[in-house]
């Protein structure tokens, strides 16, 4: 195998893993720190040994210790990792100098009701903010692919494959036309009645729909009534105002209609509809400085 072939096979992640084993004295502990299973970590270390042609670790019942060769290789691995950090940090700095932009993927409702006060107060001087408005499922995909540095999305669970934290929890409110039978219910509507009613729900991919389905599932219920599916919160509001059924929407979205008397909030009994709003990012922390600054500011608002 030639020199260039050996270089092409080198994996910085495996070098970092090996250094963590050297630090902790345990493959299992190192695997846990790197988010790997122990068999996966062991396979990576064995591959690194084959690539380098030396035994790096002595494995025993109480842990793993570095061989004499492993001690020497650990110093070179540390240099490799340091060089990789220099490369990535330098490239990031060049990118940020050339294009000070921050791309944020968000649902339309979160952009309309929450980002307007959050982002301008983050102190992002001379940073161009680019918003990509999508449904919750697509927001997560844009962040995973790197097309957006931050994603703001709603739903009952954290998006897979991303770091995230809850920055706000909105109440979801069923709203109906003032002449709807539920508008006059004093004792409240039960989860079973809600599931069997004529509901105006967002289409698949919406975080609001996920919250409603998860809340009903906790009571071993599913939607069984007549469904009027819409593609936007505004469409759901209009349908409810037009007496098409009960729309389930975040309170900030329907507040103007409740104040104006166009809609009435339905009182619920025995069921809660609460929608967490999360900011999500890829990796341990966002790559762009503007994204890190925005994240730190928004986290401090909770």
Protein backbone atom coordinates (compact mmCIF):
# COMPACT_ATOMS: atom_id res chain seq x y z
CA UNK A 1 0.00 0.00 0.00
CA UNK A 2 1.41 3.39 -1.00
CA UNK A 3 1.79 6.44 1.23
CA UNK A 4 -1.11 8.25 -0.40
CA UNK A 5 -3.41 5.23 -0.01
CA UNK A 6 -2.62 5.06 3.71
CA UNK A 7 -3.36 8.78 4.06
CA UNK A 8 -6.66 8.42 2.26
CA UNK A 9 -7.75 5.74 4.75
CA UNK A 10 -6.95 7.78 7.87
CA UNK A 11 -9.99 8.76 9.92
CA UNK A 12 -9.72 11.73 12.29
CA UNK A 13 -12.77 10.51 14.23
CA UNK A 14 -11.00 7.21 14.99
CA UNK A 15 -7.90 9.09 16.11
CA UNK A 16 -10.08 11.17 18.47
CA UNK A 17 -11.68 8.00 19.78
CA UNK A 18 -8.28 6.43 20.43
CA UNK A 19 -7.18 9.54 22.36
CA UNK A 20 -10.32 9.34 24.49
CA UNK A 21 -9.57 5.67 25.30
CA UNK A 22 -6.07 6.77 26.33
CA UNK A 23 -7.61 9.43 28.57
CA UNK A 24 -10.33 7.31 30.19
CA UNK A 25 -8.66 3.89 30.13
CA UNK A 26 -11.82 2.25 28.85
CA UNK A 27 -13.24 1.56 25.40
CA UNK A 28 -16.81 1.49 26.75
CA UNK A 29 -16.44 4.89 28.46
CA UNK A 30 -14.87 6.37 25.33
CA UNK A 31 -17.68 4.93 23.21
CA UNK A 32 -20.26 6.53 25.48
CA UNK A 33 -18.58 9.94 25.24
CA UNK A 34 -18.56 9.74 21.42
CA UNK A 35 -22.14 8.48 21.18
CA UNK A 36 -21.12 5.03 19.90
CA UNK A 37 -21.92 1.49 20.93
CA UNK A 38 -18.99 -0.45 22.38
CA UNK A 39 -18.86 -2.92 19.43
CA UNK A 40 -18.77 0.01 16.98
CA UNK A 41 -15.97 1.71 18.94
CA UNK A 42 -13.99 -1.54 19.12
CA UNK A 43 -14.35 -2.06 15.36
CA UNK A 44 -13.07 1.47 14.67
CA UNK A 45 -10.06 0.99 16.93
CA UNK A 46 -9.23 -2.36 15.35
CA UNK A 47 -9.44 -0.78 11.88
CA UNK A 48 -7.09 2.00 13.01
CA UNK A 49 -4.62 -0.62 14.24
CA UNK A 50 -4.78 -2.45 10.90
CA UNK A 51 -4.28 0.80 8.96
CA UNK A 52 -1.25 1.78 11.04
CA UNK A 53 0.12 -1.75 11.31
CA UNK A 54 0.71 -1.56 15.07
CA UNK A 55 -1.12 -2.73 18.19
CA UNK A 56 -2.31 0.32 20.09
CA UNK A 57 -4.11 -1.17 23.10
CA UNK A 58 -3.80 -4.02 25.57
CA UNK A 59 -7.37 -4.96 26.48
CA UNK A 60 -8.10 -6.55 29.84
CA UNK A 61 -10.98 -7.17 32.24
CA UNK A 62 -10.39 -3.88 34.07
CA UNK A 63 -9.97 -1.68 31.02
CA UNK A 64 -7.56 -0.84 28.21
CA UNK A 65 -4.00 0.45 28.45
CA UNK A 66 -1.76 1.78 25.71
CA UNK A 67 1.05 -0.39 24.40
CA UNK A 68 4.50 1.17 23.98
CA UNK A 69 3.67 1.73 20.30
CA UNK A 70 0.31 3.14 21.34
CA UNK A 71 2.02 5.70 23.57
CA UNK A 72 4.06 6.97 20.62
CA UNK A 73 1.07 6.91 18.25
CA UNK A 74 -1.08 8.84 20.73
CA UNK A 75 1.22 11.87 20.42
CA UNK A 76 0.93 11.74 16.62
CA UNK A 77 -2.85 11.33 16.85
CA UNK A 78 -3.00 14.42 19.04
CA UNK A 79 -1.09 16.35 16.37
CA UNK A 80 -3.45 15.03 13.68
CA UNK A 81 -6.54 16.12 15.61
CA UNK A 82 -5.01 19.54 16.35
CA UNK A 83 -4.24 20.01 12.65
CA UNK A 84 -7.82 19.03 11.74
CA UNK A 85 -9.17 21.59 14.22
CA UNK A 86 -6.90 24.27 12.75
CA UNK A 87 -8.11 23.37 9.25
CA UNK A 88 -11.83 23.43 10.08
CA UNK A 89 -11.64 26.55 12.26
CA UNK A 90 -9.63 28.36 9.60
CA UNK A 91 -12.04 27.40 6.84
CA UNK A 92 -14.98 28.48 9.01
CA UNK A 93 -13.34 31.84 9.65
CA UNK A 94 -12.79 32.37 5.91
CA UNK A 95 -16.42 31.52 5.21
CA UNK A 96 -17.73 33.87 7.86
CA UNK A 97 -15.52 36.72 6.66
CA UNK A 98 -16.70 36.26 3.09
CA UNK A 99 -20.42 35.75 3.73
CA UNK A 100 -21.76 36.94 7.12
CA UNK A 101 -25.15 35.26 6.76
CA UNK A 102 -27.29 33.18 9.08
CA UNK A 103 -29.77 30.79 7.48
CA UNK A 104 -32.61 29.84 9.78
CA UNK A 105 -35.23 27.21 8.97
CA UNK A 106 -38.49 27.75 10.80
CA UNK A 107 -42.19 27.12 10.68
CA UNK A 108 -44.25 30.10 9.57
CA UNK A 109 -46.04 30.38 12.92
CA UNK A 110 -42.83 30.47 14.95
CA UNK A 111 -41.36 33.05 12.58
CA UNK A 112 -44.47 35.20 12.85
CA UNK A 113 -44.96 35.08 16.62
CA UNK A 114 -41.55 34.42 18.17
CA UNK A 115 -38.55 35.06 15.92
CA UNK A 116 -39.43 38.70 15.36
CA UNK A 117 -38.62 39.63 18.99
CA UNK A 118 -35.93 36.97 19.52
CA UNK A 119 -33.55 37.48 16.60
CA UNK A 120 -33.30 41.31 16.43
CA UNK A 121 -32.42 41.43 20.13
CA UNK A 122 -29.54 38.94 19.70
CA UNK A 123 -27.11 41.69 18.60
CA UNK A 124 -26.23 40.13 15.24
CA UNK A 125 -24.66 43.26 13.79
CA UNK A 126 -24.10 43.23 10.00
CA UNK A 127 -25.37 39.65 9.70
CA UNK A 128 -27.86 38.89 6.95
CA UNK A 129 -30.69 36.71 8.26
CA UNK A 130 -32.17 34.32 5.69
CA UNK A 131 -35.41 32.61 6.73
CA UNK A 132 -36.55 29.34 5.18
CA UNK A 133 -40.20 28.79 6.13
CA UNK A 134 -41.22 25.14 6.04
CA UNK A 135 -43.30 22.59 7.95
CA UNK A 136 -41.71 21.06 11.04
CA UNK A 137 -40.50 17.86 9.33
CA UNK A 138 -38.76 19.81 6.56
CA UNK A 139 -37.17 22.23 9.04
CA UNK A 140 -35.35 19.30 10.64
CA UNK A 141 -34.21 18.00 7.24
CA UNK A 142 -32.75 21.41 6.30
CA UNK A 143 -30.71 21.51 9.50
CA UNK A 144 -29.50 17.92 9.10
CA UNK A 145 -28.36 18.65 5.54
CA UNK A 146 -26.50 21.80 6.59
CA UNK A 147 -28.71 24.08 4.46
CA UNK A 148 -29.72 25.91 7.65
CA UNK A 149 -27.54 26.59 10.70
CA UNK A 150 -30.48 26.73 13.11
CA UNK A 151 -33.98 25.33 12.98
CA UNK A 152 -37.03 26.40 14.97
CA UNK A 153 -39.70 23.74 15.08
CA UNK A 154 -42.63 22.55 17.12
CA UNK A 155 -43.67 19.07 18.14
CA UNK A 156 -43.86 16.62 21.04
CA UNK A 157 -40.36 15.17 20.61
CA UNK A 158 -36.80 16.20 19.81
CA UNK A 159 -35.77 15.87 16.14
CA UNK A 160 -33.65 12.77 15.47
CA UNK A 161 -29.97 13.28 14.72
CA UNK A 162 -29.85 16.88 15.97
CA UNK A 163 -29.04 18.70 19.18
CA UNK A 164 -31.97 20.76 20.44
CA UNK A 165 -33.40 22.53 23.43
CA UNK A 166 -36.89 23.73 24.31
CA UNK A 167 -37.05 27.54 24.31
CA UNK A 168 -40.80 28.00 24.80
CA UNK A 169 -44.00 26.03 25.32
CA UNK A 170 -47.19 27.26 23.64
CA UNK A 171 -50.69 26.23 24.65
CA UNK A 172 -52.71 24.65 21.83
CA UNK A 173 -56.32 25.80 21.84
CA UNK A 174 -59.32 24.28 20.08
CA UNK A 175 -61.28 27.21 18.66
CA UNK A 176 -64.76 27.23 17.11
CA UNK A 177 -67.30 29.61 15.65
CA UNK A 178 -69.34 31.32 18.44
CA UNK A 179 -72.44 29.36 17.34
CA UNK A 180 -70.71 25.96 17.57
CA UNK A 181 -72.15 23.66 20.26
CA UNK A 182 -68.76 23.41 22.02
CA UNK A 183 -68.59 27.20 22.44
CA UNK A 184 -71.29 26.94 25.14
CA UNK A 185 -69.91 23.89 26.97
CA UNK A 186 -69.21 24.84 30.60
CA UNK A 187 -67.84 21.49 31.83
CA UNK A 188 -65.41 21.19 28.95
CA UNK A 189 -64.91 18.80 26.08
CA UNK A 190 -63.25 15.46 26.84
CA UNK A 191 -60.45 13.92 24.84
CA UNK A 192 -62.84 11.29 23.45
CA UNK A 193 -65.29 13.98 22.33
CA UNK A 194 -62.47 15.98 20.77
CA UNK A 195 -61.21 12.95 18.84
CA UNK A 196 -64.72 12.16 17.57
CA UNK A 197 -65.57 15.74 16.59
CA UNK A 198 -65.22 17.56 13.27
CA UNK A 199 -61.66 18.82 13.48
CA UNK A 200 -59.66 21.22 11.34
CA UNK A 201 -56.11 19.90 11.44
CA UNK A 202 -52.82 20.75 9.80
CA UNK A 203 -51.53 18.37 7.15
CA UNK A 204 -48.92 15.68 7.82
CA UNK A 205 -45.48 17.09 8.66
CA UNK A 206 -46.88 19.73 11.01
CA UNK A 207 -45.63 19.83 14.60
CA UNK A 208 -49.08 20.92 15.77
CA UNK A 209 -50.62 17.76 14.31
CA UNK A 210 -47.94 15.65 16.02
CA UNK A 211 -48.75 17.25 19.39
CA UNK A 212 -52.49 16.61 18.99
CA UNK A 213 -51.96 12.97 18.00
CA UNK A 214 -49.49 12.40 20.87
CA UNK A 215 -51.87 13.95 23.42
CA UNK A 216 -54.76 11.79 22.26
CA UNK A 217 -52.56 8.69 22.20
CA UNK A 218 -51.80 9.18 25.92
CA UNK A 219 -55.51 8.54 26.50
CA UNK A 220 -55.48 5.60 24.06
CA UNK A 221 -57.44 7.68 21.60
CA UNK A 222 -57.06 8.41 17.92
CA UNK A 223 -58.84 10.88 15.69
CA UNK A 224 -62.07 9.22 14.60
CA UNK A 225 -64.22 12.18 13.58
CA UNK A 226 -64.53 14.09 10.33
CA UNK A 227 -61.22 15.74 9.40
CA UNK A 228 -60.85 18.95 7.44
CA UNK A 229 -57.15 19.11 6.49
CA UNK A 230 -55.44 22.46 5.81
CA UNK A 231 -51.90 23.44 4.87
CA UNK A 232 -51.48 26.54 7.05
CA UNK A 233 -52.51 28.06 10.37
CA UNK A 234 -54.25 30.90 8.55
CA UNK A 235 -56.25 28.35 6.55
CA UNK A 236 -57.27 26.62 9.78
CA UNK A 237 -58.42 29.94 11.30
CA UNK A 238 -60.46 30.80 8.21
CA UNK A 239 -62.09 27.37 8.18
CA UNK A 240 -63.05 27.69 11.85
CA UNK A 241 -64.44 31.21 11.31
CA UNK A 242 -66.48 29.75 8.44
CA UNK A 243 -68.06 27.25 10.86
CA UNK A 244 -66.21 24.25 9.35
CA UNK A 245 -65.34 22.68 12.72
CA UNK A 246 -62.88 23.01 15.61
CA UNK A 247 -59.39 24.17 14.67
CA UNK A 248 -56.56 23.29 17.06
CA UNK A 249 -53.90 26.00 16.95
CA UNK A 250 -51.25 27.71 19.12
CA UNK A 251 -52.74 30.41 21.34
CA UNK A 252 -50.59 33.22 19.81
CA UNK A 253 -52.03 32.33 16.41
CA UNK A 254 -55.69 32.68 17.43
CA UNK A 255 -55.40 35.44 20.04
CA UNK A 256 -56.60 38.21 17.62
CA UNK A 257 -59.67 36.14 16.66
CA UNK A 258 -60.54 35.46 20.31
CA UNK A 259 -60.26 39.16 21.19
CA UNK A 260 -62.39 40.16 18.20
CA UNK A 261 -65.02 37.51 18.97
CA UNK A 262 -64.65 35.77 15.62
CA UNK A 263 -63.73 32.55 17.43
CA UNK A 264 -64.30 31.06 20.89
CA UNK A 265 -61.78 28.93 22.81
CA UNK A 266 -63.10 25.48 23.71
CA UNK A 267 -62.58 24.42 27.31
CA UNK A 268 -61.00 20.96 27.58
CA UNK A 269 -61.55 18.41 30.33
CA UNK A 270 -58.98 15.76 31.25
CA UNK A 271 -56.58 16.49 28.40
CA UNK A 272 -53.78 19.02 27.92
CA UNK A 273 -52.46 20.29 24.59
CA UNK A 274 -49.07 21.90 25.02
CA UNK A 275 -46.65 22.44 22.14
CA UNK A 276 -42.91 22.68 22.88
CA UNK A 277 -40.93 24.97 20.58
CA UNK A 278 -37.34 23.89 20.04
CA UNK A 279 -34.25 25.37 18.50
CA UNK A 280 -32.21 22.66 16.79
CA UNK A 281 -28.70 22.53 15.36
CA UNK A 282 -26.23 20.03 13.96
CA UNK A 283 -23.19 18.82 15.88
CA UNK A 284 -22.02 19.70 19.36
CA UNK A 285 -22.57 23.38 18.66
CA UNK A 286 -23.40 25.42 15.55
CA UNK A 287 -20.47 25.97 13.19
CA UNK A 288 -21.17 29.64 12.45
CA UNK A 289 -20.40 32.31 15.04
CA UNK A 290 -23.69 34.11 14.29
CA UNK A 291 -25.64 30.91 14.97
CA UNK A 292 -23.78 30.37 18.26
CA UNK A 293 -24.52 33.95 19.29
CA UNK A 294 -28.21 33.63 18.43
CA UNK A 295 -28.44 30.30 20.26
CA UNK A 296 -26.81 31.71 23.41
CA UNK A 297 -29.15 34.71 23.39
CA UNK A 298 -32.34 32.70 22.83
CA UNK A 299 -31.34 30.16 25.49
CA UNK A 300 -30.93 33.04 27.94
CA UNK A 301 -34.52 34.17 27.32
CA UNK A 302 -36.07 31.06 28.89
